C-alpha cells in the first residue's frame, strides 16, 4: 500500500509539475506572439467592435480611426509593460489625423494593469517552483532506475482536467467566470471592470471575448508543450543511462 501511494504521489507530482512548466512555456510563447492579437483583431471581429465603440468613448477621441497596425502596436506596448511591473503604461499614446496625441489608458486602467503585472509575477514564482519540482523528480527517476509516468496516461489526465474546466466555464458562463476571477485575484476596491464607453483598453480587447480566445489558444499550447516535455524527458533519461 505504501509503495502504491508513493508511486501515485510521484506520478501526480510529475504530471502537475510538468503541466505547470508547460503552462509557463505556453505563456512565454504567447507573449512572444503578442497573444495573436493581430489574428483575433480580424478573425474575432475585434476591429468591428472598435469601429462601433471607439467613437462612443467619453474620455478619448479618434480611436475608431486608428488602423489595425496601430492597434497591434498599442496592444504590444501594453503586453510589454505588463510583463515589466507595469512600467510605461501611462506613457502609451496614439495619434490620428485631426486629433491631438492622447494617452491610451486612464488612471484606473493603469492601476488595474499594474495589479495584473503583480499577479503575473506571482504566477511566475509558481512556475519556477513547478520547474524545480519537475527537475527533482527527473533526477529521482534517473537515480532509482524508474521509468517516467506514461505519456498517454498523463496526457489523458491533463485533457480530462481541461475538459472539466471548459465544461465548468460553459456552465458558469464566460462573463460570470471572468467577473468572479477578478474578484478573487485582484485587491479589493481596485477597479477592474470598465464599460466600453469608459475604456479604450476594454474596447480594443473587446473584453472579455479576447481573453476567452487567448485562454483557448493557451490551452492548446500547454498541451503541445506538455507532450514535448514528456517525450523529451523519456529520451533524456534513456540517453543518460546509456552513457552511464
Protein backbone atom coordinates (compact mmCIF):
# COMPACT_ATOMS: atom_id res chain seq x y z
CA UNK A 1 0.00 0.00 0.00
CA UNK A 2 2.82 2.38 0.92
CA UNK A 3 4.57 1.77 -2.41
CA UNK A 4 1.31 2.29 -4.26
CA UNK A 5 0.69 5.63 -2.52
CA UNK A 6 4.30 6.69 -3.12
CA UNK A 7 4.06 5.82 -6.80
CA UNK A 8 0.74 7.65 -7.09
CA UNK A 9 2.24 10.74 -5.44
CA UNK A 10 5.27 10.72 -7.71
CA UNK A 11 3.11 10.29 -10.84
CA UNK A 12 0.74 13.05 -9.69
CA UNK A 13 3.62 15.34 -8.75
CA UNK A 14 5.32 14.75 -12.08
CA UNK A 15 2.10 15.34 -14.04
CA UNK A 16 1.27 18.52 -12.13
CA UNK A 17 4.80 19.93 -12.27
CA UNK A 18 5.07 19.08 -15.99
CA UNK A 19 1.76 20.84 -16.56
CA UNK A 20 2.93 23.93 -14.68
CA UNK A 21 6.16 24.05 -16.71
CA UNK A 22 4.18 23.60 -19.95
CA UNK A 23 1.78 26.30 -18.74
CA UNK A 24 4.70 28.70 -18.29
CA UNK A 25 6.29 27.84 -21.64
CA UNK A 26 2.93 28.34 -23.38
CA UNK A 27 2.60 31.79 -21.78
CA UNK A 28 6.12 32.74 -22.94
CA UNK A 29 5.26 31.62 -26.48
CA UNK A 30 2.01 33.61 -26.46
CA UNK A 31 3.84 36.66 -25.09
CA UNK A 32 6.33 36.41 -27.94
CA UNK A 33 3.42 36.14 -30.41
CA UNK A 34 1.73 39.19 -28.85
CA UNK A 35 -1.10 36.81 -27.85
CA UNK A 36 -2.09 36.59 -31.54
CA UNK A 37 -3.81 39.96 -31.23
CA UNK A 38 -3.45 40.72 -34.93
CA UNK A 39 -5.23 37.48 -35.85
CA UNK A 40 -8.02 37.92 -33.29
CA UNK A 41 -8.46 41.52 -34.44
CA UNK A 42 -9.77 40.16 -37.74
CA UNK A 43 -10.99 36.61 -37.04
CA UNK A 44 -12.67 37.61 -33.77
CA UNK A 45 -14.18 40.81 -35.24
CA UNK A 46 -12.38 42.99 -32.67
CA UNK A 47 -11.86 45.56 -35.41
CA UNK A 48 -15.62 45.84 -35.92
CA UNK A 49 -16.13 46.27 -32.17
CA UNK A 50 -13.56 49.08 -32.10
CA UNK A 51 -15.25 50.76 -35.05
CA UNK A 52 -18.52 50.66 -33.09
CA UNK A 53 -17.43 51.54 -29.55
CA UNK A 54 -14.30 53.64 -30.18
CA UNK A 55 -16.28 56.76 -31.20
CA UNK A 56 -18.53 56.33 -28.12
CA UNK A 57 -15.68 56.78 -25.61
CA UNK A 58 -16.32 59.59 -23.11
CA UNK A 59 -12.68 60.45 -22.40
CA UNK A 60 -10.74 59.90 -25.63
CA UNK A 61 -11.41 60.80 -29.25
CA UNK A 62 -10.50 59.39 -32.63
CA UNK A 63 -9.71 55.81 -31.56
CA UNK A 64 -12.16 54.43 -34.09
CA UNK A 65 -9.98 56.00 -36.79
CA UNK A 66 -6.84 54.10 -35.78
CA UNK A 67 -5.50 51.44 -38.13
CA UNK A 68 -5.06 47.75 -37.39
CA UNK A 69 -1.29 48.27 -37.32
CA UNK A 70 -1.67 50.96 -34.64
CA UNK A 71 -3.92 48.74 -32.54
CA UNK A 72 -1.50 45.82 -32.74
CA UNK A 73 1.31 48.17 -31.71
CA UNK A 74 -0.71 49.55 -28.79
CA UNK A 75 -1.56 46.04 -27.59
CA UNK A 76 2.12 45.11 -27.86
CA UNK A 77 3.02 48.14 -25.74
CA UNK A 78 0.56 47.04 -23.03
CA UNK A 79 1.86 43.47 -23.30
CA UNK A 80 5.45 44.67 -22.90
CA UNK A 81 4.70 46.95 -19.94
CA UNK A 82 2.58 44.42 -18.04
CA UNK A 83 5.49 41.98 -18.14
CA UNK A 84 7.77 44.64 -16.65
CA UNK A 85 5.85 45.55 -13.49
CA UNK A 86 3.62 47.96 -15.39
CA UNK A 87 6.40 50.39 -16.27
CA UNK A 88 5.47 52.78 -19.06
CA UNK A 89 1.73 52.11 -19.08
CA UNK A 90 0.92 55.77 -18.53
CA UNK A 91 3.13 56.74 -21.48
CA UNK A 92 1.35 54.69 -24.15
CA UNK A 93 -0.14 57.15 -26.65
CA UNK A 94 -1.88 57.12 -30.01
CA UNK A 95 -2.27 59.75 -32.72
CA UNK A 96 -4.77 60.07 -35.55
CA UNK A 97 -5.24 62.94 -38.02
CA UNK A 98 -7.46 65.73 -36.73
CA UNK A 99 -7.00 64.79 -33.06
CA UNK A 100 -4.29 65.62 -30.51
CA UNK A 101 -1.90 62.91 -29.33
CA UNK A 102 -3.63 61.18 -26.41
CA UNK A 103 -2.71 58.64 -23.76
CA UNK A 104 -4.46 55.32 -24.32
CA UNK A 105 -5.13 54.42 -20.69
CA UNK A 106 -6.91 56.21 -17.85
CA UNK A 107 -5.53 56.26 -14.31
CA UNK A 108 -7.87 53.42 -13.24
CA UNK A 109 -6.83 51.31 -16.22
CA UNK A 110 -3.15 51.80 -15.39
CA UNK A 111 -3.84 50.74 -11.79
CA UNK A 112 -5.66 47.63 -12.98
CA UNK A 113 -2.86 46.65 -15.34
CA UNK A 114 -0.28 47.15 -12.57
CA UNK A 115 -2.35 44.73 -10.44
CA UNK A 116 -2.23 42.33 -13.39
CA UNK A 117 1.55 42.74 -13.62
CA UNK A 118 1.88 41.83 -9.92
CA UNK A 119 -0.33 38.78 -10.48
CA UNK A 120 1.84 37.64 -13.39
CA UNK A 121 4.91 37.95 -11.15
CA UNK A 122 3.26 35.72 -8.53
CA UNK A 123 2.29 33.13 -11.14
CA UNK A 124 5.88 33.28 -12.40
CA UNK A 125 7.08 32.22 -8.94
CA UNK A 126 4.66 29.26 -9.05
CA UNK A 127 6.08 28.24 -12.44
CA UNK A 128 9.63 28.37 -11.05
CA UNK A 129 8.58 26.16 -8.12
CA UNK A 130 6.92 23.74 -10.56
CA UNK A 131 10.08 23.66 -12.66
CA UNK A 132 12.26 22.86 -9.63
CA UNK A 133 9.91 20.03 -8.59
CA UNK A 134 9.89 18.73 -12.18
CA UNK A 135 13.71 18.63 -12.32
CA UNK A 136 13.94 16.94 -8.90
CA UNK A 137 11.52 14.22 -10.00
CA UNK A 138 13.51 13.63 -13.19
CA UNK A 139 16.62 13.17 -11.05
CA UNK A 140 14.65 10.83 -8.77
CA UNK A 141 13.54 8.63 -11.69
CA UNK A 142 17.07 8.55 -13.07
CA UNK A 143 18.80 7.77 -9.78
CA UNK A 144 16.40 4.97 -8.86
CA UNK A 145 16.20 3.44 -12.30
CA UNK A 146 12.49 4.19 -12.70
CA UNK A 147 10.65 4.98 -15.90
CA UNK A 148 8.81 8.31 -16.05
CA UNK A 149 5.00 8.02 -15.93
CA UNK A 150 3.31 7.02 -19.17
CA UNK A 151 2.88 9.94 -21.57
CA UNK A 152 -0.51 8.70 -22.66
CA UNK A 153 -1.78 8.29 -19.11
CA UNK A 154 -0.62 11.76 -18.12
CA UNK A 155 -1.96 13.36 -21.27
CA UNK A 156 -5.35 11.73 -20.78
CA UNK A 157 -5.41 13.01 -17.19
CA UNK A 158 -4.48 16.54 -18.31
CA UNK A 159 -7.06 16.55 -21.10
CA UNK A 160 -9.66 15.33 -18.61
CA UNK A 161 -8.87 18.26 -16.29
CA UNK A 162 -9.02 20.71 -19.20
CA UNK A 163 -12.33 19.26 -20.39
CA UNK A 164 -13.82 19.57 -16.91
CA UNK A 165 -12.56 23.17 -16.68
CA UNK A 166 -14.13 24.05 -20.04
CA UNK A 167 -17.42 22.43 -19.02
CA UNK A 168 -17.46 24.41 -15.76
CA UNK A 169 -16.64 27.59 -17.69
CA UNK A 170 -19.50 26.97 -20.11
CA UNK A 171 -21.92 26.16 -17.29
CA UNK A 172 -20.98 29.22 -15.25
CA UNK A 173 -20.73 31.42 -18.33
CA UNK A 174 -17.56 33.17 -19.59
CA UNK A 175 -18.72 36.61 -18.42
CA UNK A 176 -19.61 35.40 -14.90
CA UNK A 177 -16.36 33.42 -14.65
CA UNK A 178 -14.45 36.49 -15.81
CA UNK A 179 -16.05 38.61 -13.08
CA UNK A 180 -15.50 36.05 -10.30
CA UNK A 181 -11.87 35.53 -11.26
CA UNK A 182 -11.20 39.26 -10.97
CA UNK A 183 -12.88 39.39 -7.55
CA UNK A 184 -10.63 36.56 -6.32
CA UNK A 185 -7.25 37.63 -7.68
CA UNK A 186 -7.25 41.44 -7.56
CA UNK A 187 -7.03 43.67 -4.46
CA UNK A 188 -10.46 44.65 -3.10
CA UNK A 189 -11.51 48.15 -4.04
CA UNK A 190 -9.24 48.40 -7.05
CA UNK A 191 -11.09 48.92 -10.35
CA UNK A 192 -11.17 46.03 -12.81
CA UNK A 193 -14.46 46.37 -14.68
CA UNK A 194 -14.68 49.00 -17.39
CA UNK A 195 -17.51 49.82 -19.78
CA UNK A 196 -16.57 50.18 -23.43
CA UNK A 197 -17.65 53.82 -23.39
CA UNK A 198 -15.24 54.49 -20.49
CA UNK A 199 -12.27 52.39 -21.57
CA UNK A 200 -10.28 52.10 -24.77
CA UNK A 201 -8.50 49.17 -23.15
CA UNK A 202 -11.74 47.19 -22.89
CA UNK A 203 -12.75 48.31 -26.37
CA UNK A 204 -9.51 47.33 -28.11
CA UNK A 205 -9.58 43.92 -26.35
CA UNK A 206 -13.35 43.55 -26.70
CA UNK A 207 -13.24 42.20 -23.16
CA UNK A 208 -13.90 39.52 -22.17
CA UNK A 209 -14.07 37.93 -25.63
CA UNK A 210 -10.37 38.30 -26.41
CA UNK A 211 -9.49 36.62 -23.09
CA UNK A 212 -11.63 33.58 -23.96
CA UNK A 213 -9.82 33.18 -27.30
CA UNK A 214 -6.43 33.61 -25.62
CA UNK A 215 -7.39 31.02 -22.99
CA UNK A 216 -8.31 28.51 -25.72
CA UNK A 217 -5.02 29.14 -27.53
CA UNK A 218 -3.13 28.91 -24.23
CA UNK A 219 -4.73 25.51 -23.52
CA UNK A 220 -3.65 24.19 -26.92
CA UNK A 221 -0.09 25.46 -26.47
CA UNK A 222 0.05 23.96 -22.98
CA UNK A 223 -0.96 20.51 -24.25
CA UNK A 224 1.63 20.74 -27.05
CA UNK A 225 4.44 21.73 -24.65
CA UNK A 226 3.30 19.13 -22.12
CA UNK A 227 3.58 16.38 -24.75
CA UNK A 228 7.01 17.63 -25.91
CA UNK A 229 8.28 17.69 -22.31
CA UNK A 230 7.14 14.14 -21.66
CA UNK A 231 8.80 12.68 -24.76
CA UNK A 232 11.93 14.74 -24.13
CA UNK A 233 12.26 13.53 -20.52
CA UNK A 234 11.92 9.88 -21.51
CA UNK A 235 14.57 10.25 -24.20
CA UNK A 236 16.86 12.26 -21.91
CA UNK A 237 16.76 9.65 -19.13
CA UNK A 238 17.46 6.83 -21.60
CA UNK A 239 20.35 8.83 -23.06
CA UNK A 240 21.97 9.38 -19.64
CA UNK A 241 21.52 5.73 -18.73
CA UNK A 242 23.17 4.58 -21.97
CA UNK A 243 26.12 6.86 -21.26
CA UNK A 244 26.36 5.61 -17.68
